[in-house]
């Protein structure tokens, strides 16, 4: 398995991964629209300097992805900017093989190369398998967002 930066020619597969993420998250979020939509502008993300998409590739097939974006911190934070991870996906037939942790390692490396030390991500509180995967690589919960209708 190889971890590398995504390229424009990967876009069709990345768009499929995005729909896989959306379908996996639907059970956790009743506010998601029905039908087809996009979380990300992947083509634009591939061309930005303050963003990277990493992919896992095995035998010429893309099997996973993750992204990192540099975001400005809130005025009350003790850091100026931080890395925000997203677009985390692993093909179901390759899960449980450490693909996600290798992608996160590559995203952390990119983050450090930009001089950042703060890394954040969001995960649905009921998505216990994702929470376990993130805790396994060192993430700790910091905030729970709540909603009332």
C-alpha atoms as a PDB file:
ATOM      1  CA  UNK A   1       0.000   0.000   0.000  1.00  0.00           C
ATOM      2  CA  UNK A   2       1.198   3.490  -0.876  1.00  0.00           C
ATOM      3  CA  UNK A   3       0.039   6.797   0.617  1.00  0.00           C
ATOM      4  CA  UNK A   4       0.353   9.769  -1.723  1.00  0.00           C
ATOM      5  CA  UNK A   5      -1.076  13.168  -2.465  1.00  0.00           C
ATOM      6  CA  UNK A   6      -4.217  12.982  -4.614  1.00  0.00           C
ATOM      7  CA  UNK A   7      -4.080  14.202  -8.214  1.00  0.00           C
ATOM      8  CA  UNK A   8      -6.703  15.639 -10.532  1.00  0.00           C
ATOM      9  CA  UNK A   9      -6.963  12.295 -12.356  1.00  0.00           C
ATOM     10  CA  UNK A  10      -8.187  10.760  -9.055  1.00  0.00           C
ATOM     11  CA  UNK A  11     -11.234  13.053  -8.997  1.00  0.00           C
ATOM     12  CA  UNK A  12     -13.869  10.524 -10.156  1.00  0.00           C
ATOM     13  CA  UNK A  13     -12.871   8.048  -7.459  1.00  0.00           C
ATOM     14  CA  UNK A  14     -12.702  10.812  -4.854  1.00  0.00           C
ATOM     15  CA  UNK A  15     -16.254  11.836  -5.760  1.00  0.00           C
ATOM     16  CA  UNK A  16     -17.346   8.214  -5.202  1.00  0.00           C
ATOM     17  CA  UNK A  17     -15.583   8.210  -1.817  1.00  0.00           C
ATOM     18  CA  UNK A  18     -17.450  11.401  -0.894  1.00  0.00           C
ATOM     19  CA  UNK A  19     -20.798   9.738  -1.581  1.00  0.00           C
ATOM     20  CA  UNK A  20     -19.661   6.777   0.542  1.00  0.00           C
ATOM     21  CA  UNK A  21     -18.950   9.171   3.418  1.00  0.00           C
ATOM     22  CA  UNK A  22     -22.359  10.814   3.046  1.00  0.00           C
ATOM     23  CA  UNK A  23     -24.179   7.471   3.035  1.00  0.00           C
ATOM     24  CA  UNK A  24     -22.232   6.304   6.096  1.00  0.00           C
ATOM     25  CA  UNK A  25     -23.118   9.510   7.970  1.00  0.00           C
ATOM     26  CA  UNK A  26     -26.817   9.647   7.080  1.00  0.00           C
ATOM     27  CA  UNK A  27     -27.874   7.443  10.028  1.00  0.00           C
ATOM     28  CA  UNK A  28     -26.118   9.848  12.430  1.00  0.00           C
ATOM     29  CA  UNK A  29     -27.578  13.115  11.126  1.00  0.00           C
ATOM     30  CA  UNK A  30     -31.290  13.628  10.448  1.00  0.00           C
ATOM     31  CA  UNK A  31     -30.546  17.113   9.105  1.00  0.00           C
ATOM     32  CA  UNK A  32     -28.784  15.845   5.958  1.00  0.00           C
ATOM     33  CA  UNK A  33     -30.677  16.465   2.735  1.00  0.00           C
ATOM     34  CA  UNK A  34     -32.081  13.510   0.855  1.00  0.00           C
ATOM     35  CA  UNK A  35     -30.685  12.754  -2.564  1.00  0.00           C
ATOM     36  CA  UNK A  36     -27.319  13.594  -4.053  1.00  0.00           C
ATOM     37  CA  UNK A  37     -25.195  16.461  -2.679  1.00  0.00           C
ATOM     38  CA  UNK A  38     -21.547  17.284  -1.980  1.00  0.00           C
ATOM     39  CA  UNK A  39     -19.742  18.095   1.257  1.00  0.00           C
ATOM     40  CA  UNK A  40     -16.593  19.254  -0.521  1.00  0.00           C
ATOM     41  CA  UNK A  41     -15.413  21.043  -3.651  1.00  0.00           C
ATOM     42  CA  UNK A  42     -12.793  18.377  -4.285  1.00  0.00           C
ATOM     43  CA  UNK A  43     -11.520  19.818  -7.556  1.00  0.00           C
ATOM     44  CA  UNK A  44     -10.880  23.152  -5.861  1.00  0.00           C
ATOM     45  CA  UNK A  45      -9.270  21.430  -2.853  1.00  0.00           C
ATOM     46  CA  UNK A  46      -6.807  19.638  -5.146  1.00  0.00           C
ATOM     47  CA  UNK A  47      -5.528  23.010  -6.357  1.00  0.00           C
ATOM     48  CA  UNK A  48      -5.215  24.871  -3.043  1.00  0.00           C
ATOM     49  CA  UNK A  49      -1.908  25.485  -1.262  1.00  0.00           C
ATOM     50  CA  UNK A  50      -3.534  25.466   2.180  1.00  0.00           C
ATOM     51  CA  UNK A  51      -5.137  22.073   1.644  1.00  0.00           C
ATOM     52  CA  UNK A  52      -4.042  18.523   0.849  1.00  0.00           C
ATOM     53  CA  UNK A  53      -5.919  15.358  -0.008  1.00  0.00           C
ATOM     54  CA  UNK A  54      -4.031  12.141   0.673  1.00  0.00           C
ATOM     55  CA  UNK A  55      -5.039   8.798  -0.788  1.00  0.00           C
ATOM     56  CA  UNK A  56      -4.147   5.206  -0.074  1.00  0.00           C
ATOM     57  CA  UNK A  57      -3.476   3.156  -3.193  1.00  0.00           C
ATOM     58  CA  UNK A  58      -3.028  -0.586  -3.496  1.00  0.00           C
ATOM     59  CA  UNK A  59      -2.265  -2.320  -6.783  1.00  0.00           C
ATOM     60  CA  UNK A  60      -3.284   0.786  -8.718  1.00  0.00           C
ATOM     61  CA  UNK A  61      -6.643   1.075  -6.931  1.00  0.00           C
ATOM     62  CA  UNK A  62      -7.540   3.938  -4.597  1.00  0.00           C
ATOM     63  CA  UNK A  63      -8.783   2.448  -1.334  1.00  0.00           C
ATOM     64  CA  UNK A  64      -8.942   5.412   1.044  1.00  0.00           C
ATOM     65  CA  UNK A  65      -8.670   9.149   1.467  1.00  0.00           C
ATOM     66  CA  UNK A  66      -8.345  11.992   3.924  1.00  0.00           C
ATOM     67  CA  UNK A  67      -7.933  15.724   3.695  1.00  0.00           C
ATOM     68  CA  UNK A  68      -6.375  18.503   5.700  1.00  0.00           C
ATOM     69  CA  UNK A  69      -7.176  22.209   5.471  1.00  0.00           C
ATOM     70  CA  UNK A  70      -5.449  25.070   7.235  1.00  0.00           C
ATOM     71  CA  UNK A  71      -8.037  27.157   9.065  1.00  0.00           C
ATOM     72  CA  UNK A  72      -7.755  30.352  11.058  1.00  0.00           C
ATOM     73  CA  UNK A  73      -8.211  29.944  14.793  1.00  0.00           C
ATOM     74  CA  UNK A  74     -10.754  31.878  16.821  1.00  0.00           C
ATOM     75  CA  UNK A  75      -9.409  35.027  18.490  1.00  0.00           C
ATOM     76  CA  UNK A  76      -9.610  33.324  21.891  1.00  0.00           C
ATOM     77  CA  UNK A  77      -7.464  30.295  20.917  1.00  0.00           C
ATOM     78  CA  UNK A  78      -3.814  30.160  21.945  1.00  0.00           C
ATOM     79  CA  UNK A  79      -2.759  29.336  18.348  1.00  0.00           C
ATOM     80  CA  UNK A  80      -3.220  31.348  15.152  1.00  0.00           C
ATOM     81  CA  UNK A  81      -4.217  28.584  12.731  1.00  0.00           C
ATOM     82  CA  UNK A  82      -4.762  24.857  12.816  1.00  0.00           C
ATOM     83  CA  UNK A  83      -5.139  21.802  10.625  1.00  0.00           C
ATOM     84  CA  UNK A  84      -8.653  20.489  10.164  1.00  0.00           C
ATOM     85  CA  UNK A  85      -8.990  16.890   8.979  1.00  0.00           C
ATOM     86  CA  UNK A  86     -11.904  15.631   6.930  1.00  0.00           C
ATOM     87  CA  UNK A  87     -12.870  13.535   3.914  1.00  0.00           C
ATOM     88  CA  UNK A  88     -11.833  10.406   5.831  1.00  0.00           C
ATOM     89  CA  UNK A  89     -12.878   7.308   3.899  1.00  0.00           C
ATOM     90  CA  UNK A  90     -11.679   3.729   3.553  1.00  0.00           C
ATOM     91  CA  UNK A  91     -13.254   1.285   1.096  1.00  0.00           C
ATOM     92  CA  UNK A  92     -15.260  -1.197   3.210  1.00  0.00           C
ATOM     93  CA  UNK A  93     -13.291  -4.196   1.883  1.00  0.00           C
ATOM     94  CA  UNK A  94     -10.028  -2.656   3.169  1.00  0.00           C
ATOM     95  CA  UNK A  95     -11.177  -1.564   6.631  1.00  0.00           C
ATOM     96  CA  UNK A  96      -9.413  -2.961   9.679  1.00  0.00           C
ATOM     97  CA  UNK A  97      -6.005  -2.963   7.958  1.00  0.00           C
ATOM     98  CA  UNK A  98      -4.655   0.324   9.334  1.00  0.00           C
ATOM     99  CA  UNK A  99      -5.373   2.325   6.171  1.00  0.00           C
ATOM    100  CA  UNK A 100      -6.976   5.188   8.102  1.00  0.00           C
ATOM    101  CA  UNK A 101      -4.052   5.508  10.509  1.00  0.00           C
ATOM    102  CA  UNK A 102      -1.545   5.610   7.636  1.00  0.00           C
ATOM    103  CA  UNK A 103      -3.550   8.343   5.915  1.00  0.00           C
ATOM    104  CA  UNK A 104      -3.713  10.296   9.190  1.00  0.00           C
ATOM    105  CA  UNK A 105       0.066   9.910   9.583  1.00  0.00           C
ATOM    106  CA  UNK A 106       0.547  11.455   6.119  1.00  0.00           C
ATOM    107  CA  UNK A 107      -1.863  14.285   6.979  1.00  0.00           C
ATOM    108  CA  UNK A 108       0.009  14.916  10.250  1.00  0.00           C
ATOM    109  CA  UNK A 109       3.304  15.010   8.356  1.00  0.00           C
ATOM    110  CA  UNK A 110       1.878  17.576   5.899  1.00  0.00           C
ATOM    111  CA  UNK A 111       0.564  19.586   8.866  1.00  0.00           C
ATOM    112  CA  UNK A 112       3.949  19.642  10.564  1.00  0.00           C
ATOM    113  CA  UNK A 113       5.630  20.689   7.296  1.00  0.00           C
ATOM    114  CA  UNK A 114       3.397  23.787   7.419  1.00  0.00           C
ATOM    115  CA  UNK A 115       4.548  24.578  10.962  1.00  0.00           C
ATOM    116  CA  UNK A 116       1.225  23.714  12.624  1.00  0.00           C
ATOM    117  CA  UNK A 117       0.835  21.756  15.839  1.00  0.00           C
ATOM    118  CA  UNK A 118      -2.928  21.866  16.432  1.00  0.00           C
ATOM    119  CA  UNK A 119      -4.954  19.234  14.551  1.00  0.00           C
ATOM    120  CA  UNK A 120      -8.725  18.897  14.819  1.00  0.00           C
ATOM    121  CA  UNK A 121     -11.517  16.867  13.274  1.00  0.00           C
ATOM    122  CA  UNK A 122     -15.225  16.308  13.779  1.00  0.00           C
ATOM    123  CA  UNK A 123     -16.981  12.983  14.226  1.00  0.00           C
ATOM    124  CA  UNK A 124     -20.586  12.135  15.018  1.00  0.00           C
ATOM    125  CA  UNK A 125     -20.900  11.244  18.708  1.00  0.00           C
ATOM    126  CA  UNK A 126     -22.803   8.046  17.891  1.00  0.00           C
ATOM    127  CA  UNK A 127     -20.216   6.864  15.332  1.00  0.00           C
ATOM    128  CA  UNK A 128     -18.386   4.659  17.816  1.00  0.00           C
ATOM    129  CA  UNK A 129     -16.230   2.846  15.235  1.00  0.00           C
ATOM    130  CA  UNK A 130     -14.874   6.153  13.871  1.00  0.00           C
ATOM    131  CA  UNK A 131     -14.324   7.493  17.390  1.00  0.00           C
ATOM    132  CA  UNK A 132     -12.317   4.356  18.274  1.00  0.00           C
ATOM    133  CA  UNK A 133     -10.221   4.719  15.124  1.00  0.00           C
ATOM    134  CA  UNK A 134      -9.413   8.360  15.911  1.00  0.00           C
ATOM    135  CA  UNK A 135      -8.667   7.642  19.572  1.00  0.00           C
ATOM    136  CA  UNK A 136      -6.347   4.844  18.456  1.00  0.00           C
ATOM    137  CA  UNK A 137      -4.143   7.406  16.667  1.00  0.00           C
ATOM    138  CA  UNK A 138      -4.187   9.851  19.590  1.00  0.00           C
ATOM    139  CA  UNK A 139      -7.243  12.102  19.180  1.00  0.00           C
ATOM    140  CA  UNK A 140      -9.217  12.993  22.287  1.00  0.00           C
ATOM    141  CA  UNK A 141     -12.772  14.375  22.514  1.00  0.00           C
ATOM    142  CA  UNK A 142     -12.972  18.063  23.343  1.00  0.00           C
ATOM    143  CA  UNK A 143     -16.529  19.240  22.618  1.00  0.00           C
ATOM    144  CA  UNK A 144     -19.965  17.810  22.016  1.00  0.00           C
ATOM    145  CA  UNK A 145     -22.275  19.815  19.780  1.00  0.00           C
ATOM    146  CA  UNK A 146     -25.945  19.515  20.701  1.00  0.00           C
ATOM    147  CA  UNK A 147     -29.149  20.436  18.910  1.00  0.00           C
ATOM    148  CA  UNK A 148     -32.753  21.213  19.768  1.00  0.00           C
ATOM    149  CA  UNK A 149     -35.629  21.477  17.310  1.00  0.00           C
END
